[in-house]
Amino acid sequence: MNIILSRDSQVKMMENVVTNAETYFGKFCTLMAAYTRKTAKLRDKSDLLVKQLIDYANTENPELRTTMRNFAEELAKVQDYRQAEVERLETKVIQPLKAYGILIKQTRAEIKKFNNARNNEIKQLEKLEKIRQRSPSDRHMISQAESNVHKASVDASRTTHQLEETIDEFQKQKLKDIQKIFLDFVTIEMVFHAKALEVYSNAFQNLQGYDLEKDLEDFRAKIHIASGTFNEARPVTATNPSHSLPWSAGTQSVQSTLQKLKLVESDEESEENQLEDFSSPENTQLPWGAGSTR
């Protein structure tokens, strides 16, 4: 019975090893998958930034246009390296962590076999004790029960030995894998950041070398040309300072129009006076009436 208790404590320790690996490797897998997805999203957002930089460069002056295009090209290189980072993380980190799900199931199956063998051994021992209590003189039944106990004990011992080998191999593989998985993770990140640092250094030098004075001179020249063309198109001003006002021409045209209206009104008043003269009693006789009376 002491052997059985010793095996129980041994198996509990083995189960704890498997349970611990299942818990933490599952969390590692989930977190690394999320890490990789975030990296892929960062790559996608950076690709959009590259596109916007190129679109913006096409609207600017030559110096800035060239600088922004070069910067966009360098940033696009970083995203190519980031894509390689994502693919390597999936292959060398996430897939090995996922594989532990199958390995843990297989190990648990071995533990289950041992538990079945141990339960059978305990069951046979209990039968033997009952027979000894009920029929202490029945040597045949006691002998048969003892034989069954022996077989169960041998089976349990064999299963325990197999389980020990399985758990030992599991622990050995786990320690190697956890080391390799995170070594690969660090290597992938180091390679990406080393290449990205090189590209970002080129991008920094490119942006730092931008000569804004050339673009500013070009901009001022364009503004000056536009301003000069506007001045040439303006009419020549008179010597009278009041005529230099933009509304002087409009004022002159209004005054001439008012003078014309006054002339028209005076003509209409003269015509009305003539009609009044014709309608007066003194002029009721037509001018040719005198000739007719003769």
Protein backbone atom coordinates (compact mmCIF):
# COMPACT_ATOMS: atom_id res chain seq x y z
CA MET A 1 0.00 0.00 0.00
CA ASN A 2 2.94 2.28 0.69
CA ILE A 3 4.11 1.68 -2.86
CA ILE A 4 0.72 2.80 -4.18
CA LEU A 5 0.84 5.99 -2.09
CA SER A 6 4.35 6.66 -3.34
CA ARG A 7 3.15 6.24 -6.92
CA ASP A 8 0.23 8.60 -6.28
CA SER A 9 2.54 11.40 -5.12
CA GLN A 10 4.81 10.71 -8.06
CA VAL A 11 1.94 10.92 -10.56
CA LYS A 12 0.61 14.12 -8.97
CA MET A 13 3.98 15.72 -9.54
CA MET A 14 3.91 14.57 -13.19
CA GLU A 15 0.39 15.91 -13.64
CA ASN A 16 1.49 19.27 -12.23
CA VAL A 17 4.29 19.44 -14.79
CA VAL A 18 1.84 18.82 -17.64
CA THR A 19 -0.80 21.18 -16.25
CA ASN A 20 1.78 23.94 -15.75
CA ALA A 21 3.00 23.54 -19.33
CA GLU A 22 -0.56 23.50 -20.66
CA THR A 23 -1.44 26.71 -18.81
CA TYR A 24 1.60 28.80 -19.66
CA PHE A 25 2.28 27.53 -23.16
CA GLY A 26 -1.35 28.22 -23.99
CA LYS A 27 -0.98 31.78 -22.71
CA PHE A 28 2.29 32.22 -24.59
CA CYS A 29 0.63 31.04 -27.79
CA THR A 30 -2.31 33.40 -27.36
CA LEU A 31 -0.10 36.40 -26.58
CA MET A 32 2.38 35.74 -29.36
CA ALA A 33 -0.46 35.36 -31.84
CA ALA A 34 -1.85 38.73 -30.69
CA TYR A 35 1.65 40.24 -30.90
CA THR A 36 2.00 39.01 -34.49
CA ARG A 37 -1.44 40.34 -35.47
CA LYS A 38 -0.56 43.75 -34.02
CA THR A 39 2.68 43.73 -35.98
CA ALA A 40 0.76 42.90 -39.16
CA LYS A 41 -1.68 45.76 -38.47
CA LEU A 42 1.25 48.13 -37.95
CA ARG A 43 2.61 47.00 -41.32
CA ASP A 44 -0.76 47.74 -42.97
CA LYS A 45 -1.00 51.21 -41.39
CA SER A 46 2.56 51.96 -42.46
CA ASP A 47 1.71 50.95 -46.02
CA LEU A 48 -1.12 53.50 -45.96
CA LEU A 49 1.30 56.11 -44.64
CA VAL A 50 3.69 55.37 -47.52
CA LYS A 51 0.86 55.89 -50.02
CA GLN A 52 -0.13 59.20 -48.43
CA LEU A 53 3.48 60.39 -48.43
CA ILE A 54 3.77 59.70 -52.16
CA ASP A 55 0.47 61.45 -52.88
CA TYR A 56 1.59 64.46 -50.85
CA ALA A 57 5.01 64.55 -52.53
CA ASN A 58 3.35 64.90 -55.93
CA THR A 59 1.76 68.18 -54.79
CA GLU A 60 4.95 69.84 -53.55
CA ASN A 61 7.94 71.68 -55.02
CA PRO A 62 10.82 69.70 -56.59
CA GLU A 63 13.18 69.53 -53.59
CA LEU A 64 10.51 68.46 -51.10
CA ARG A 65 8.93 66.15 -53.69
CA THR A 66 12.19 64.25 -54.11
CA THR A 67 12.84 64.16 -50.36
CA MET A 68 9.37 62.84 -49.50
CA ARG A 69 9.47 60.22 -52.23
CA ASN A 70 12.83 58.96 -50.98
CA PHE A 71 11.49 58.90 -47.43
CA ALA A 72 8.42 56.93 -48.57
CA GLU A 73 10.66 54.41 -50.33
CA GLU A 74 12.74 53.90 -47.18
CA LEU A 75 9.61 53.49 -45.09
CA ALA A 76 8.31 50.92 -47.59
CA LYS A 77 11.54 48.93 -47.15
CA VAL A 78 10.90 48.79 -43.41
CA GLN A 79 7.46 47.33 -44.09
CA ASP A 80 9.01 44.64 -46.29
CA TYR A 81 11.22 43.69 -43.34
CA ARG A 82 8.17 43.81 -41.07
CA GLN A 83 6.33 41.40 -43.37
CA ALA A 84 9.27 39.00 -43.11
CA GLU A 85 9.13 39.43 -39.33
CA VAL A 86 5.44 38.47 -39.28
CA GLU A 87 6.03 35.36 -41.40
CA ARG A 88 8.95 34.21 -39.24
CA LEU A 89 7.00 34.75 -36.02
CA GLU A 90 4.19 32.58 -37.33
CA THR A 91 6.58 29.83 -38.43
CA LYS A 92 9.16 29.76 -35.62
CA VAL A 93 7.18 30.92 -32.60
CA ILE A 94 3.44 30.44 -32.95
CA GLN A 95 3.45 27.04 -34.70
CA PRO A 96 5.79 25.37 -32.14
CA LEU A 97 3.66 26.72 -29.30
CA LYS A 98 0.51 25.40 -30.99
CA ALA A 99 2.16 21.98 -31.33
CA TYR A 100 2.26 21.70 -27.54
CA GLY A 101 -1.50 21.28 -27.50
CA ILE A 102 -1.12 17.88 -29.21
CA LEU A 103 1.91 16.91 -27.13
CA ILE A 104 0.09 17.70 -23.89
CA LYS A 105 -2.90 15.58 -24.96
CA GLN A 106 -0.63 12.64 -25.66
CA THR A 107 1.07 13.01 -22.28
CA ARG A 108 -2.27 13.20 -20.50
CA ALA A 109 -3.29 9.99 -22.28
CA GLU A 110 -0.23 8.26 -20.79
CA ILE A 111 -1.15 9.56 -17.33
CA LYS A 112 -4.68 8.22 -17.82
CA LYS A 113 -3.28 4.76 -18.64
CA PHE A 114 -1.27 4.82 -15.44
CA ASN A 115 -4.33 5.90 -13.42
CA ASN A 116 -6.31 2.98 -14.86
CA ALA A 117 -3.53 0.54 -13.96
CA ARG A 118 -3.23 2.01 -10.47
CA ASN A 119 -7.00 1.83 -9.90
CA ASN A 120 -7.00 -1.79 -11.02
CA GLU A 121 -4.15 -2.57 -8.62
CA ILE A 122 -6.05 -0.93 -5.74
CA LYS A 123 -9.21 -2.82 -6.71
CA GLN A 124 -7.42 -6.18 -6.69
CA LEU A 125 -5.86 -5.44 -3.31
CA GLU A 126 -9.27 -4.61 -1.87
CA LYS A 127 -10.68 -7.91 -3.20
CA LEU A 128 -7.81 -9.82 -1.64
CA GLU A 129 -8.44 -8.20 1.74
CA LYS A 130 -12.16 -9.02 1.57
CA ILE A 131 -11.46 -12.67 0.71
CA ARG A 132 -8.98 -12.97 3.58
CA GLN A 133 -11.57 -11.56 5.96
CA ARG A 134 -14.52 -13.60 4.71
CA SER A 135 -12.79 -16.89 3.84
CA PRO A 136 -9.44 -17.05 5.58
CA SER A 137 -9.33 -20.84 5.12
CA ASP A 138 -10.06 -20.82 1.37
CA ARG A 139 -6.53 -21.03 0.09
CA HIS A 140 -7.62 -21.41 -3.54
CA MET A 141 -9.54 -18.13 -3.65
CA ILE A 142 -6.85 -16.33 -1.68
CA SER A 143 -4.17 -17.66 -4.03
CA GLN A 144 -6.14 -16.57 -7.09
CA ALA A 145 -6.71 -13.13 -5.58
CA GLU A 146 -3.04 -12.83 -4.75
CA SER A 147 -2.21 -13.73 -8.36
CA ASN A 148 -4.53 -11.03 -9.63
CA VAL A 149 -2.93 -8.54 -7.27
CA HIS A 150 0.51 -9.51 -8.53
CA LYS A 151 -0.53 -9.06 -12.16
CA ALA A 152 -2.10 -5.70 -11.36
CA SER A 153 1.02 -4.59 -9.49
CA VAL A 154 3.28 -5.66 -12.36
CA ASP A 155 1.06 -3.80 -14.82
CA ALA A 156 1.05 -0.71 -12.60
CA SER A 157 4.82 -0.85 -12.20
CA ARG A 158 5.30 -1.21 -15.97
CA THR A 159 2.89 1.67 -16.62
CA THR A 160 4.63 3.78 -14.00
CA HIS A 161 7.98 3.17 -15.63
CA GLN A 162 6.57 4.11 -19.05
CA LEU A 163 4.99 7.21 -17.56
CA GLU A 164 8.28 8.22 -15.97
CA GLU A 165 10.02 7.93 -19.34
CA THR A 166 7.21 9.87 -21.03
CA ILE A 167 7.26 12.69 -18.49
CA ASP A 168 11.06 12.83 -18.54
CA GLU A 169 11.04 13.15 -22.33
CA PHE A 170 8.23 15.69 -22.12
CA GLN A 171 10.15 17.83 -19.60
CA LYS A 172 13.36 17.59 -21.61
CA GLN A 173 11.58 18.58 -24.83
CA LYS A 174 9.73 21.38 -23.08
CA LEU A 175 12.92 22.92 -21.71
CA LYS A 176 14.63 22.74 -25.10
CA ASP A 177 11.60 24.14 -26.92
CA ILE A 178 11.00 27.04 -24.56
CA GLN A 179 14.63 28.02 -24.99
CA LYS A 180 14.58 27.67 -28.78
CA ILE A 181 11.20 29.38 -29.24
CA PHE A 182 12.25 32.52 -27.40
CA LEU A 183 15.74 32.48 -28.87
CA ASP A 184 14.09 32.49 -32.29
CA PHE A 185 11.75 35.25 -31.16
CA VAL A 186 14.64 37.44 -30.00
CA THR A 187 16.64 36.67 -33.16
CA ILE A 188 13.70 37.61 -35.39
CA GLU A 189 13.23 40.89 -33.54
CA MET A 190 16.97 41.66 -33.57
CA VAL A 191 17.20 41.07 -37.32
CA PHE A 192 14.17 43.23 -38.01
CA HIS A 193 15.31 46.10 -35.81
CA ALA A 194 18.88 45.95 -37.14
CA LYS A 195 17.66 46.23 -40.73
CA ALA A 196 15.04 48.80 -39.79
CA LEU A 197 17.67 50.89 -37.98
CA GLU A 198 19.83 50.89 -41.09
CA VAL A 199 16.92 52.00 -43.27
CA TYR A 200 15.73 54.59 -40.76
CA SER A 201 19.27 55.99 -40.64
CA ASN A 202 19.16 56.50 -44.40
CA ALA A 203 15.72 58.08 -44.07
CA PHE A 204 17.03 60.41 -41.36
CA GLN A 205 19.96 61.53 -43.50
CA ASN A 206 17.65 62.04 -46.46
CA LEU A 207 15.28 64.24 -44.45
CA GLN A 208 18.13 66.10 -42.80
CA GLY A 209 19.67 66.87 -46.20
CA TYR A 210 16.52 68.54 -47.47
CA ASP A 211 17.31 72.07 -48.72
CA LEU A 212 14.20 74.06 -47.91
CA GLU A 213 15.77 77.32 -49.14
CA LYS A 214 15.57 76.12 -52.75
CA ASP A 215 11.90 75.33 -52.46
CA LEU A 216 11.32 78.61 -50.65
CA GLU A 217 13.09 80.56 -53.41
CA ASP A 218 11.06 78.73 -56.03
CA PHE A 219 7.87 79.50 -54.13
CA ARG A 220 8.74 83.17 -53.76
CA ALA A 221 9.64 83.40 -57.43
CA LYS A 222 6.27 81.99 -58.41
CA ILE A 223 4.44 84.38 -56.09
CA HIS A 224 6.50 87.34 -57.41
CA ILE A 225 5.76 86.43 -61.04
CA ALA A 226 2.07 86.18 -60.32
CA SER A 227 2.13 89.54 -58.54
CA GLY A 228 4.01 91.23 -61.43
CA THR A 229 1.53 89.96 -64.00
CA PHE A 230 -1.30 91.40 -61.94
CA ASN A 231 0.34 94.87 -61.81
CA GLU A 232 0.90 95.02 -65.59
CA ALA A 233 -2.74 94.31 -66.24
CA ARG A 234 -3.89 97.38 -64.25
CA PRO A 235 -4.84 100.57 -66.23
CA VAL A 236 -2.62 103.65 -66.30
CA THR A 237 -3.71 106.17 -63.63
CA ALA A 238 -4.21 109.92 -64.20
CA THR A 239 -2.25 112.67 -62.52
CA ASN A 240 -5.21 113.58 -60.39
CA PRO A 241 -4.85 111.69 -57.11
CA SER A 242 -8.59 111.35 -56.77
CA HIS A 243 -8.74 109.49 -60.09
CA SER A 244 -6.34 106.85 -58.80
CA LEU A 245 -9.10 105.47 -56.63
CA PRO A 246 -10.58 102.25 -58.03
CA TRP A 247 -14.08 103.70 -58.05
CA SER A 248 -13.23 107.00 -59.88
CA ALA A 249 -14.15 105.67 -63.34
CA GLY A 250 -17.48 104.52 -62.04
CA THR A 251 -18.13 107.95 -60.52
CA GLN A 252 -17.44 109.72 -63.85
CA SER A 253 -19.84 107.47 -65.73
CA VAL A 254 -22.56 108.15 -63.15
CA GLN A 255 -22.08 111.91 -63.48
CA SER A 256 -22.33 111.80 -67.31
CA THR A 257 -25.50 109.74 -67.02
CA LEU A 258 -27.06 112.29 -64.66
CA GLN A 259 -26.24 115.11 -67.11
CA LYS A 260 -27.96 113.25 -69.94
CA LEU A 261 -31.03 112.71 -67.76
CA LYS A 262 -31.19 116.47 -67.03
CA LEU A 263 -31.07 117.30 -70.78
CA VAL A 264 -33.89 114.86 -71.47
CA GLU A 265 -35.96 116.41 -68.67
CA SER A 266 -35.39 119.97 -70.04
CA ASP A 267 -36.49 118.88 -73.53
CA GLU A 268 -39.65 117.35 -72.11
CA GLU A 269 -40.42 120.59 -70.20
CA SER A 270 -40.07 122.72 -73.39
CA GLU A 271 -42.46 120.44 -75.28
CA GLU A 272 -45.00 120.71 -72.48
CA ASN A 273 -44.77 124.55 -72.61
CA GLN A 274 -45.44 124.58 -76.36
CA LEU A 275 -48.54 122.41 -75.90
CA GLU A 276 -49.84 124.77 -73.25
CA ASP A 277 -49.39 127.72 -75.67
CA PHE A 278 -51.41 125.95 -78.35
CA SER A 279 -54.24 125.18 -75.98
CA SER A 280 -54.66 128.80 -74.77
CA PRO A 281 -57.86 130.83 -76.00
CA GLU A 282 -55.77 133.32 -77.88
CA ASN A 283 -54.53 130.61 -80.13
CA THR A 284 -57.83 128.78 -80.72
CA GLN A 285 -57.95 130.12 -84.31
CA LEU A 286 -55.70 128.21 -86.56
CA PRO A 287 -52.95 130.22 -88.17
CA TRP A 288 -54.39 129.62 -91.64
CA GLY A 289 -57.96 130.69 -90.64
CA ALA A 290 -57.38 134.33 -91.61
CA GLY A 291 -56.55 133.39 -95.11
CA SER A 292 -59.88 131.62 -95.53
CA THR A 293 -62.00 134.62 -94.47
CA ARG A 294 -60.56 136.75 -97.01
